[in-house]
C-alpha atoms as a PDB file:
ATOM      1  CA  MET A   1       7.182 -21.720  29.719  1.00  0.00           C
ATOM      2  CA  THR A   2       5.636 -21.552  26.238  1.00  0.00           C
ATOM      3  CA  ASP A   3       7.719 -19.867  23.520  1.00  0.00           C
ATOM      4  CA  LYS A   4       5.645 -16.990  22.095  1.00  0.00           C
ATOM      5  CA  THR A   5       7.947 -16.693  19.073  1.00  0.00           C
ATOM      6  CA  LYS A   6       6.372 -19.918  17.774  1.00  0.00           C
ATOM      7  CA  LYS A   7       2.940 -18.309  17.557  1.00  0.00           C
ATOM      8  CA  LEU A   8       1.292 -17.850  14.157  1.00  0.00           C
ATOM      9  CA  SER A   9      -0.706 -14.855  12.911  1.00  0.00           C
ATOM     10  CA  ARG A  10      -4.431 -14.976  12.319  1.00  0.00           C
ATOM     11  CA  TRP A  11      -5.492 -14.199   8.746  1.00  0.00           C
ATOM     12  CA  TYR A  12      -6.935 -10.753   9.535  1.00  0.00           C
ATOM     13  CA  PHE A  13      -3.968  -9.387  11.535  1.00  0.00           C
ATOM     14  CA  GLY A  14      -2.334  -7.930   8.409  1.00  0.00           C
ATOM     15  CA  GLY A  15      -5.375  -5.805   7.569  1.00  0.00           C
ATOM     16  CA  LEU A  16      -5.618  -4.446  11.117  1.00  0.00           C
ATOM     17  CA  SER A  17      -1.886  -3.697  11.215  1.00  0.00           C
ATOM     18  CA  SER A  18      -1.951  -1.945   7.834  1.00  0.00           C
ATOM     19  CA  ALA A  19      -4.965   0.159   8.846  1.00  0.00           C
ATOM     20  CA  GLY A  20      -3.208   1.231  12.038  1.00  0.00           C
ATOM     21  CA  ALA A  21      -0.078   2.170  10.104  1.00  0.00           C
ATOM     22  CA  ALA A  22      -2.161   4.091   7.522  1.00  0.00           C
ATOM     23  CA  CYS A  23      -3.547   6.337  10.254  1.00  0.00           C
ATOM     24  CA  VAL A  24       0.011   7.468  11.036  1.00  0.00           C
ATOM     25  CA  THR A  25       1.396   7.760   7.498  1.00  0.00           C
ATOM     26  CA  HIS A  26      -1.631   9.119   5.611  1.00  0.00           C
ATOM     27  CA  PRO A  27      -0.271  12.695   5.235  1.00  0.00           C
ATOM     28  CA  LEU A  28       2.814  11.305   3.458  1.00  0.00           C
ATOM     29  CA  ASP A  29       0.596   9.277   1.136  1.00  0.00           C
ATOM     30  CA  LEU A  30      -1.404  12.409   0.310  1.00  0.00           C
ATOM     31  CA  LEU A  31       1.773  14.344  -0.554  1.00  0.00           C
ATOM     32  CA  LYS A  32       2.909  11.460  -2.772  1.00  0.00           C
ATOM     33  CA  VAL A  33      -0.366  11.545  -4.731  1.00  0.00           C
ATOM     34  CA  HIS A  34      -0.083  15.321  -5.218  1.00  0.00           C
ATOM     35  CA  LEU A  35       3.446  15.046  -6.566  1.00  0.00           C
ATOM     36  CA  GLN A  36       2.496  12.219  -8.941  1.00  0.00           C
ATOM     37  CA  THR A  37      -0.506  14.045 -10.408  1.00  0.00           C
ATOM     38  CA  GLN A  38       1.095  17.457 -10.907  1.00  0.00           C
ATOM     39  CA  GLN A  39       1.846  18.156 -14.551  1.00  0.00           C
ATOM     40  CA  GLU A  40       3.017  21.729 -14.491  1.00  0.00           C
ATOM     41  CA  ASP A  41       5.908  23.320 -12.607  1.00  0.00           C
ATOM     42  CA  LYS A  42       7.679  21.136 -10.108  1.00  0.00           C
ATOM     43  CA  ILE A  43       7.126  21.887  -6.445  1.00  0.00           C
ATOM     44  CA  SER A  44       9.111  20.576  -3.494  1.00  0.00           C
ATOM     45  CA  VAL A  45       7.641  18.478  -0.691  1.00  0.00           C
ATOM     46  CA  THR A  46       8.219  21.316   1.783  1.00  0.00           C
ATOM     47  CA  ARG A  47       6.480  23.916  -0.386  1.00  0.00           C
ATOM     48  CA  LEU A  48       3.624  21.555  -1.113  1.00  0.00           C
ATOM     49  CA  THR A  49       3.097  20.775   2.578  1.00  0.00           C
ATOM     50  CA  THR A  50       3.248  24.445   3.528  1.00  0.00           C
ATOM     51  CA  SER A  51       0.806  25.381   0.759  1.00  0.00           C
ATOM     52  CA  ILE A  52      -1.744  22.755   1.809  1.00  0.00           C
ATOM     53  CA  ILE A  53      -1.616  23.735   5.489  1.00  0.00           C
ATOM     54  CA  ARG A  54      -1.754  27.476   4.718  1.00  0.00           C
ATOM     55  CA  ASN A  55      -4.641  27.242   2.251  1.00  0.00           C
ATOM     56  CA  GLN A  56      -6.677  24.339   3.606  1.00  0.00           C
ATOM     57  CA  GLY A  57      -5.623  23.832   7.221  1.00  0.00           C
ATOM     58  CA  ILE A  58      -3.614  21.024   8.815  1.00  0.00           C
ATOM     59  CA  LEU A  59      -6.559  18.595   8.731  1.00  0.00           C
ATOM     60  CA  ALA A  60      -6.405  18.727   4.927  1.00  0.00           C
ATOM     61  CA  LEU A  61      -3.369  16.438   5.221  1.00  0.00           C
ATOM     62  CA  TYR A  62      -5.859  13.746   6.262  1.00  0.00           C
ATOM     63  CA  ASN A  63      -8.176  14.150   3.262  1.00  0.00           C
ATOM     64  CA  GLY A  64      -9.268  10.707   2.149  1.00  0.00           C
ATOM     65  CA  LEU A  65      -8.368   8.908   5.380  1.00  0.00           C
ATOM     66  CA  SER A  66     -11.637   6.953   5.374  1.00  0.00           C
ATOM     67  CA  ALA A  67     -10.877   5.735   1.839  1.00  0.00           C
ATOM     68  CA  SER A  68      -7.344   4.812   2.888  1.00  0.00           C
ATOM     69  CA  LEU A  69      -8.721   2.732   5.756  1.00  0.00           C
ATOM     70  CA  LEU A  70     -11.276   1.098   3.449  1.00  0.00           C
ATOM     71  CA  ARG A  71      -8.484   0.200   1.052  1.00  0.00           C
ATOM     72  CA  GLN A  72      -6.286  -1.304   3.770  1.00  0.00           C
ATOM     73  CA  LEU A  73      -9.173  -3.292   5.245  1.00  0.00           C
ATOM     74  CA  THR A  74      -9.845  -4.837   1.822  1.00  0.00           C
ATOM     75  CA  TYR A  75      -6.525  -4.871  -0.062  1.00  0.00           C
ATOM     76  CA  SER A  76      -4.186  -5.600   2.851  1.00  0.00           C
ATOM     77  CA  THR A  77      -6.514  -7.965   4.689  1.00  0.00           C
ATOM     78  CA  ILE A  78      -6.751 -10.128   1.564  1.00  0.00           C
ATOM     79  CA  ARG A  79      -3.069 -10.053   0.583  1.00  0.00           C
ATOM     80  CA  PHE A  80      -1.732 -10.608   4.108  1.00  0.00           C
ATOM     81  CA  GLY A  81      -4.452 -13.154   4.834  1.00  0.00           C
ATOM     82  CA  ALA A  82      -3.862 -15.176   1.662  1.00  0.00           C
ATOM     83  CA  TYR A  83      -0.093 -15.121   2.201  1.00  0.00           C
ATOM     84  CA  GLU A  84      -0.358 -16.169   5.843  1.00  0.00           C
ATOM     85  CA  VAL A  85      -2.909 -18.912   5.212  1.00  0.00           C
ATOM     86  CA  GLY A  86      -0.825 -20.145   2.268  1.00  0.00           C
ATOM     87  CA  LYS A  87       2.322 -20.324   4.387  1.00  0.00           C
ATOM     88  CA  GLN A  88       0.546 -22.123   7.212  1.00  0.00           C
ATOM     89  CA  THR A  89      -0.962 -24.569   4.727  1.00  0.00           C
ATOM     90  CA  PHE A  90       2.189 -25.474   2.795  1.00  0.00           C
ATOM     91  CA  GLU A  91       4.889 -25.206   5.453  1.00  0.00           C
ATOM     92  CA  THR A  92       5.665 -28.354   7.378  1.00  0.00           C
ATOM     93  CA  SER A  93       6.900 -28.467  10.964  1.00  0.00           C
ATOM     94  CA  GLY A  94      10.402 -27.009  11.090  1.00  0.00           C
ATOM     95  CA  GLN A  95      10.551 -26.606   7.300  1.00  0.00           C
ATOM     96  CA  SER A  96       9.690 -23.190   5.861  1.00  0.00           C
ATOM     97  CA  LEU A  97       8.881 -22.478   2.218  1.00  0.00           C
ATOM     98  CA  LEU A  98      11.758 -21.845  -0.157  1.00  0.00           C
ATOM     99  CA  PHE A  99      12.315 -18.195  -1.113  1.00  0.00           C
ATOM    100  CA  TYR A 100      11.030 -18.601  -4.681  1.00  0.00           C
ATOM    101  CA  GLN A 101       7.884 -20.244  -3.288  1.00  0.00           C
ATOM    102  CA  LYS A 102       7.359 -17.252  -1.004  1.00  0.00           C
ATOM    103  CA  LEU A 103       7.785 -14.939  -4.002  1.00  0.00           C
ATOM    104  CA  LEU A 104       5.114 -16.810  -5.956  1.00  0.00           C
ATOM    105  CA  LEU A 105       2.750 -16.954  -2.991  1.00  0.00           C
ATOM    106  CA  ALA A 106       3.253 -13.243  -2.262  1.00  0.00           C
ATOM    107  CA  GLY A 107       2.683 -12.322  -5.907  1.00  0.00           C
ATOM    108  CA  LEU A 108      -0.589 -14.256  -6.125  1.00  0.00           C
ATOM    109  CA  SER A 109      -1.763 -12.918  -2.761  1.00  0.00           C
ATOM    110  CA  GLY A 110      -0.931  -9.349  -3.748  1.00  0.00           C
ATOM    111  CA  ALA A 111      -2.674  -9.599  -7.119  1.00  0.00           C
ATOM    112  CA  THR A 112      -5.841 -10.894  -5.459  1.00  0.00           C
ATOM    113  CA  GLY A 113      -5.752  -8.118  -2.876  1.00  0.00           C
ATOM    114  CA  GLY A 114      -5.089  -5.553  -5.591  1.00  0.00           C
ATOM    115  CA  ILE A 115      -8.268  -6.425  -7.467  1.00  0.00           C
ATOM    116  CA  PHE A 116     -10.518  -6.200  -4.426  1.00  0.00           C
ATOM    117  CA  GLY A 117      -8.745  -3.108  -3.109  1.00  0.00           C
ATOM    118  CA  THR A 118      -9.032  -1.040  -6.303  1.00  0.00           C
ATOM    119  CA  PRO A 119     -12.387   0.679  -5.492  1.00  0.00           C
ATOM    120  CA  GLY A 120     -11.042   1.949  -2.177  1.00  0.00           C
ATOM    121  CA  ASP A 121      -7.844   3.028  -3.895  1.00  0.00           C
ATOM    122  CA  VAL A 122      -9.752   4.983  -6.574  1.00  0.00           C
ATOM    123  CA  ILE A 123     -11.725   6.891  -3.940  1.00  0.00           C
ATOM    124  CA  ASN A 124      -8.568   7.399  -1.865  1.00  0.00           C
ATOM    125  CA  VAL A 125      -6.686   9.027  -4.766  1.00  0.00           C
ATOM    126  CA  ARG A 126      -9.652  11.221  -5.716  1.00  0.00           C
ATOM    127  CA  MET A 127     -10.261  12.443  -2.156  1.00  0.00           C
ATOM    128  CA  GLN A 128      -6.584  13.235  -1.636  1.00  0.00           C
ATOM    129  CA  ASN A 129      -6.340  15.099  -4.935  1.00  0.00           C
ATOM    130  CA  ASP A 130      -9.575  17.080  -4.465  1.00  0.00           C
ATOM    131  CA  ILE A 131      -7.995  20.071  -2.766  1.00  0.00           C
ATOM    132  CA  LYS A 132      -5.801  20.705  -5.830  1.00  0.00           C
ATOM    133  CA  LEU A 133      -8.848  21.317  -8.006  1.00  0.00           C
ATOM    134  CA  PRO A 134     -10.804  24.579  -8.362  1.00  0.00           C
ATOM    135  CA  PRO A 135     -13.834  24.594  -5.999  1.00  0.00           C
ATOM    136  CA  GLU A 136     -16.293  24.132  -8.868  1.00  0.00           C
ATOM    137  CA  LEU A 137     -14.517  20.969 -10.071  1.00  0.00           C
ATOM    138  CA  ARG A 138     -14.086  19.232  -6.718  1.00  0.00           C
ATOM    139  CA  ARG A 139     -15.932  15.975  -6.132  1.00  0.00           C
ATOM    140  CA  ASN A 140     -16.350  16.664  -2.388  1.00  0.00           C
ATOM    141  CA  TYR A 141     -16.947  13.088  -1.293  1.00  0.00           C
ATOM    142  CA  LYS A 142     -18.077  13.103   2.343  1.00  0.00           C
ATOM    143  CA  HIS A 143     -16.320   9.812   3.068  1.00  0.00           C
ATOM    144  CA  ALA A 144     -15.253   6.626   1.313  1.00  0.00           C
ATOM    145  CA  LEU A 145     -18.694   4.999   1.121  1.00  0.00           C
ATOM    146  CA  ASP A 146     -20.219   8.231  -0.192  1.00  0.00           C
ATOM    147  CA  GLY A 147     -17.524   8.251  -2.882  1.00  0.00           C
ATOM    148  CA  ILE A 148     -18.243   4.665  -3.925  1.00  0.00           C
ATOM    149  CA  ILE A 149     -22.010   5.265  -4.102  1.00  0.00           C
ATOM    150  CA  ARG A 150     -21.588   8.464  -6.149  1.00  0.00           C
ATOM    151  CA  VAL A 151     -19.165   6.841  -8.593  1.00  0.00           C
ATOM    152  CA  ILE A 152     -21.638   4.004  -9.171  1.00  0.00           C
ATOM    153  CA  GLN A 153     -24.528   6.451  -9.643  1.00  0.00           C
ATOM    154  CA  GLN A 154     -22.716   9.039 -11.765  1.00  0.00           C
ATOM    155  CA  GLU A 155     -20.086   7.050 -13.679  1.00  0.00           C
ATOM    156  CA  GLY A 156     -20.989   3.379 -13.347  1.00  0.00           C
ATOM    157  CA  VAL A 157     -19.432   0.449 -11.481  1.00  0.00           C
ATOM    158  CA  ARG A 158     -16.699   0.079 -14.112  1.00  0.00           C
ATOM    159  CA  HIS A 159     -15.104   3.362 -13.045  1.00  0.00           C
ATOM    160  CA  LEU A 160     -14.541   1.978  -9.542  1.00  0.00           C
ATOM    161  CA  PHE A 161     -11.952  -0.233 -11.215  1.00  0.00           C
ATOM    162  CA  ASN A 162     -10.072   2.494 -13.126  1.00  0.00           C
ATOM    163  CA  GLY A 163      -6.420   1.492 -13.096  1.00  0.00           C
ATOM    164  CA  CYS A 164      -7.217  -2.039 -11.903  1.00  0.00           C
ATOM    165  CA  SER A 165      -4.602  -3.649 -14.161  1.00  0.00           C
ATOM    166  CA  THR A 166      -1.781  -1.436 -12.897  1.00  0.00           C
ATOM    167  CA  ALA A 167      -3.091  -1.611  -9.320  1.00  0.00           C
ATOM    168  CA  THR A 168      -3.107  -5.403  -9.460  1.00  0.00           C
ATOM    169  CA  LEU A 169       0.421  -5.658 -10.861  1.00  0.00           C
ATOM    170  CA  ARG A 170       1.614  -3.044  -8.363  1.00  0.00           C
ATOM    171  CA  ALA A 171      -0.025  -4.948  -5.506  1.00  0.00           C
ATOM    172  CA  ALA A 172       1.710  -8.153  -6.594  1.00  0.00           C
ATOM    173  CA  LEU A 173       5.112  -6.419  -6.668  1.00  0.00           C
ATOM    174  CA  MET A 174       4.396  -4.593  -3.394  1.00  0.00           C
ATOM    175  CA  THR A 175       3.506  -7.834  -1.645  1.00  0.00           C
ATOM    176  CA  ILE A 176       6.589  -9.562  -3.036  1.00  0.00           C
ATOM    177  CA  GLY A 177       8.773  -6.691  -1.814  1.00  0.00           C
ATOM    178  CA  GLN A 178       7.152  -6.443   1.590  1.00  0.00           C
ATOM    179  CA  LEU A 179       6.063  -9.896   2.720  1.00  0.00           C
ATOM    180  CA  SER A 180       8.463 -12.332   1.075  1.00  0.00           C
ATOM    181  CA  PHE A 181      11.541 -10.134   1.569  1.00  0.00           C
ATOM    182  CA  TYR A 182      10.516  -9.320   5.154  1.00  0.00           C
ATOM    183  CA  ASP A 183      10.231 -13.021   5.936  1.00  0.00           C
ATOM    184  CA  GLN A 184      13.517 -13.853   4.234  1.00  0.00           C
ATOM    185  CA  VAL A 185      15.541 -11.031   5.816  1.00  0.00           C
ATOM    186  CA  LYS A 186      14.098 -11.828   9.246  1.00  0.00           C
ATOM    187  CA  ILE A 187      15.070 -15.500   8.880  1.00  0.00           C
ATOM    188  CA  MET A 188      18.597 -14.557   7.763  1.00  0.00           C
ATOM    189  CA  LEU A 189      19.053 -12.190  10.703  1.00  0.00           C
ATOM    190  CA  LEU A 190      17.828 -14.766  13.214  1.00  0.00           C
ATOM    191  CA  GLN A 191      20.136 -17.415  11.745  1.00  0.00           C
ATOM    192  CA  THR A 192      23.208 -15.260  12.453  1.00  0.00           C
ATOM    193  CA  GLY A 193      22.692 -15.721  16.175  1.00  0.00           C
ATOM    194  CA  TYR A 194      23.168 -11.997  16.803  1.00  0.00           C
ATOM    195  CA  PHE A 195      19.489 -11.139  16.536  1.00  0.00           C
ATOM    196  CA  LYS A 196      16.419 -12.259  18.425  1.00  0.00           C
ATOM    197  CA  ASP A 197      12.754 -12.242  17.434  1.00  0.00           C
ATOM    198  CA  ASN A 198      12.142  -8.749  18.815  1.00  0.00           C
ATOM    199  CA  PRO A 199      11.186  -5.238  17.588  1.00  0.00           C
ATOM    200  CA  VAL A 200      14.786  -4.436  16.588  1.00  0.00           C
ATOM    201  CA  THR A 201      14.899  -7.372  14.175  1.00  0.00           C
ATOM    202  CA  HIS A 202      11.383  -6.599  12.969  1.00  0.00           C
ATOM    203  CA  THR A 203      12.352  -2.975  12.244  1.00  0.00           C
ATOM    204  CA  ILE A 204      15.546  -3.855  10.334  1.00  0.00           C
ATOM    205  CA  SER A 205      13.710  -6.459   8.262  1.00  0.00           C
ATOM    206  CA  SER A 206      10.858  -4.090   7.452  1.00  0.00           C
ATOM    207  CA  VAL A 207      13.179  -1.227   6.400  1.00  0.00           C
ATOM    208  CA  PHE A 208      14.846  -3.544   3.892  1.00  0.00           C
ATOM    209  CA  ALA A 209      11.459  -4.798   2.701  1.00  0.00           C
ATOM    210  CA  GLY A 210      10.201  -1.223   2.316  1.00  0.00           C
ATOM    211  CA  ALA A 211      13.194  -0.266   0.167  1.00  0.00           C
ATOM    212  CA  VAL A 212      12.689  -3.250  -2.144  1.00  0.00           C
ATOM    213  CA  ALA A 213       8.939  -2.618  -2.400  1.00  0.00           C
ATOM    214  CA  THR A 214       9.393   1.080  -3.249  1.00  0.00           C
ATOM    215  CA  THR A 215      11.912   0.343  -5.995  1.00  0.00           C
ATOM    216  CA  LEU A 216       9.718  -2.356  -7.556  1.00  0.00           C
ATOM    217  CA  THR A 217       6.458  -0.433  -7.501  1.00  0.00           C
ATOM    218  CA  GLN A 218       7.165   3.252  -8.078  1.00  0.00           C
ATOM    219  CA  PRO A 219       6.698   3.360 -11.900  1.00  0.00           C
ATOM    220  CA  LEU A 220       3.452   1.398 -11.641  1.00  0.00           C
ATOM    221  CA  ASP A 221       2.342   3.546  -8.721  1.00  0.00           C
ATOM    222  CA  VAL A 222       2.668   6.655 -10.865  1.00  0.00           C
ATOM    223  CA  LEU A 223       0.660   5.088 -13.726  1.00  0.00           C
ATOM    224  CA  LYS A 224      -1.991   3.795 -11.316  1.00  0.00           C
ATOM    225  CA  THR A 225      -2.416   7.184  -9.669  1.00  0.00           C
ATOM    226  CA  ARG A 226      -2.752   8.958 -13.023  1.00  0.00           C
ATOM    227  CA  ALA A 227      -5.272   6.372 -14.286  1.00  0.00           C
ATOM    228  CA  MET A 228      -7.436   6.593 -11.171  1.00  0.00           C
ATOM    229  CA  ASN A 229      -7.435  10.387 -11.206  1.00  0.00           C
ATOM    230  CA  ALA A 230      -8.109  10.669 -14.949  1.00  0.00           C
ATOM    231  CA  LYS A 231     -11.312  12.088 -16.377  1.00  0.00           C
ATOM    232  CA  PRO A 232     -13.566   9.630 -18.242  1.00  0.00           C
ATOM    233  CA  GLY A 233     -12.078   8.957 -21.683  1.00  0.00           C
ATOM    234  CA  GLU A 234      -8.838  10.855 -21.033  1.00  0.00           C
ATOM    235  CA  PHE A 235      -6.726   7.761 -21.725  1.00  0.00           C
ATOM    236  CA  LYS A 236      -7.754   5.008 -24.154  1.00  0.00           C
ATOM    237  CA  ASN A 237      -5.822   2.234 -22.420  1.00  0.00           C
ATOM    238  CA  LEU A 238      -2.746   1.475 -20.339  1.00  0.00           C
ATOM    239  CA  MET A 239      -0.405   1.902 -23.308  1.00  0.00           C
ATOM    240  CA  ASP A 240      -1.852   5.348 -24.039  1.00  0.00           C
ATOM    241  CA  LEU A 241      -1.261   6.314 -20.419  1.00  0.00           C
ATOM    242  CA  PHE A 242       2.272   4.889 -20.539  1.00  0.00           C
ATOM    243  CA  LEU A 243       3.148   6.862 -23.690  1.00  0.00           C
ATOM    244  CA  TYR A 244       1.656  10.058 -22.264  1.00  0.00           C
ATOM    245  CA  THR A 245       3.784   9.697 -19.136  1.00  0.00           C
ATOM    246  CA  ALA A 246       6.891   8.758 -21.152  1.00  0.00           C
ATOM    247  CA  LYS A 247       6.617  12.013 -23.123  1.00  0.00           C
ATOM    248  CA  LEU A 248       7.173  13.868 -19.862  1.00  0.00           C
ATOM    249  CA  GLY A 249      10.587  12.197 -19.561  1.00  0.00           C
ATOM    250  CA  PRO A 250      11.906   9.011 -17.907  1.00  0.00           C
ATOM    251  CA  PHE A 251      11.890  10.554 -14.472  1.00  0.00           C
ATOM    252  CA  ALA A 252       8.136  11.103 -14.767  1.00  0.00           C
ATOM    253  CA  PHE A 253       7.746   7.426 -13.833  1.00  0.00           C
ATOM    254  CA  PHE A 254       9.481   8.151 -10.533  1.00  0.00           C
ATOM    255  CA  LYS A 255       7.626  11.308  -9.547  1.00  0.00           C
ATOM    256  CA  GLY A 256       7.133  11.336  -5.811  1.00  0.00           C
ATOM    257  CA  TYR A 257       9.825   8.662  -5.245  1.00  0.00           C
ATOM    258  CA  VAL A 258      11.265  10.331  -2.151  1.00  0.00           C
ATOM    259  CA  PRO A 259       7.931  10.862  -0.360  1.00  0.00           C
ATOM    260  CA  ALA A 260       6.885   7.390  -1.551  1.00  0.00           C
ATOM    261  CA  PHE A 261       9.856   5.824   0.233  1.00  0.00           C
ATOM    262  CA  ILE A 262       9.560   8.177   3.198  1.00  0.00           C
ATOM    263  CA  ARG A 263       5.933   7.108   3.469  1.00  0.00           C
ATOM    264  CA  LEU A 264       6.411   3.421   2.676  1.00  0.00           C
ATOM    265  CA  ALA A 265       9.321   2.921   5.070  1.00  0.00           C
ATOM    266  CA  PRO A 266       7.388   3.934   8.216  1.00  0.00           C
ATOM    267  CA  GLN A 267       4.226   2.337   6.774  1.00  0.00           C
ATOM    268  CA  THR A 268       6.080  -0.959   6.357  1.00  0.00           C
ATOM    269  CA  ILE A 269       7.845  -0.693   9.724  1.00  0.00           C
ATOM    270  CA  LEU A 270       4.655   0.119  11.617  1.00  0.00           C
ATOM    271  CA  THR A 271       2.672  -2.561   9.783  1.00  0.00           C
ATOM    272  CA  PHE A 272       5.119  -5.327  10.666  1.00  0.00           C
ATOM    273  CA  VAL A 273       5.761  -4.096  14.208  1.00  0.00           C
ATOM    274  CA  PHE A 274       1.988  -4.005  14.811  1.00  0.00           C
ATOM    275  CA  LEU A 275       1.624  -7.384  13.089  1.00  0.00           C
ATOM    276  CA  GLU A 276       4.321  -9.006  15.211  1.00  0.00           C
ATOM    277  CA  GLN A 277       2.761  -7.613  18.399  1.00  0.00           C
ATOM    278  CA  LEU A 278      -0.646  -8.965  17.388  1.00  0.00           C
ATOM    279  CA  ARG A 279       0.948 -12.312  16.563  1.00  0.00           C
ATOM    280  CA  THR A 280       2.829 -12.494  19.858  1.00  0.00           C
ATOM    281  CA  ASN A 281      -0.090 -11.442  22.049  1.00  0.00           C
ATOM    282  CA  PHE A 282      -3.146 -12.713  20.181  1.00  0.00           C
ATOM    283  CA  GLY A 283      -1.831 -15.344  17.758  1.00  0.00           C
ATOM    284  CA  PHE A 284      -2.066 -19.101  18.089  1.00  0.00           C
ATOM    285  CA  TYR A 285       0.261 -22.086  18.218  1.00  0.00           C
ATOM    286  CA  PRO A 286       0.392 -24.629  15.381  1.00  0.00           C
ATOM    287  CA  SER A 287      -0.994 -27.261  17.734  1.00  0.00           C
ATOM    288  CA  ASP A 288      -4.174 -25.155  18.121  1.00  0.00           C
ATOM    289  CA  ILE A 289      -5.127 -25.596  14.453  1.00  0.00           C
END
C-alpha cells in the first residue's frame, strides 16, 4: 500500500487553503482592522462587535470578504507556491533543508507574495474600515475588483501599493513564522515517535506557528493598516508614519494584538489542516515529477 504521507503539495494548494480559511476567520480580521485604525477612545472587542451588528447588521462582519479572497489568491498562492516549489527543488531524497535555509526561503517567498498581494490588501482594509466612516465619506466599493478599478481611476495605480514596503516586510516575517516554523515543529514532533502525520500533529504545529507569526508581525501589521487606510498625503513616508504611531505610546504598535492572534491562530490552523488534506488526497509523489 502506498504511503500517502510521502505525497507533496502542488504549488497552488496554499492559496486555496488560505482562501478557505479566510472565509471562516474574516470577521476576526475585520475587528482587528477596526481596533488598529481607531485613534480616539479605546473600545473592547465585545463592544465593537456588538456595535457593528446593532448598527450595520451581522453581514457587516463580512465587509470586504471579496477583497480578502483576492488577497489570499494572490499573496498566499505566491508565497506558499514559491516556498513549496523551492523546497521540492532543493531538497534531496531523505534530506530536508536545514532550518536556516527554510527561514531564508520563507522570507523570500513571503516578500514576493507581499508585493503582489498589496493591491488586494489595500482594498481589503478600506472595505473593512468603511462602516466606521460617516455615510458621506464612505468609499462604498461594490466588491474587490470595483475597488481596484476605482482606485486606479480616482487616485492612480500607485495608491494600490500604499504600504507596500511594510506589507512586504510583514509578509516575509509572516511566512517565516508560519511556513518555516510549521515545518520545523512538525518534523520535531514526528521525530519523537509519539506523534503521527495526522490532524492532531498538524494542529499543534500550526498553533505554534501562529503564535510566532503574530509576535513577529504585529507592529508592522499596525503600520501597514494605517498606511493603507490613510488619506492621500497624510503621511510623507514610513518614518513619518512610525513617528506618528510612536507618539500614541509603545502599545500603539500592538493595537489589536489579541484579536490578531485570535484570528491568526484559527486562520493558521485551518490553512494548514486544509493544506494537509489537499496534499494527502490530491498531491503527488516525488516519483511523479
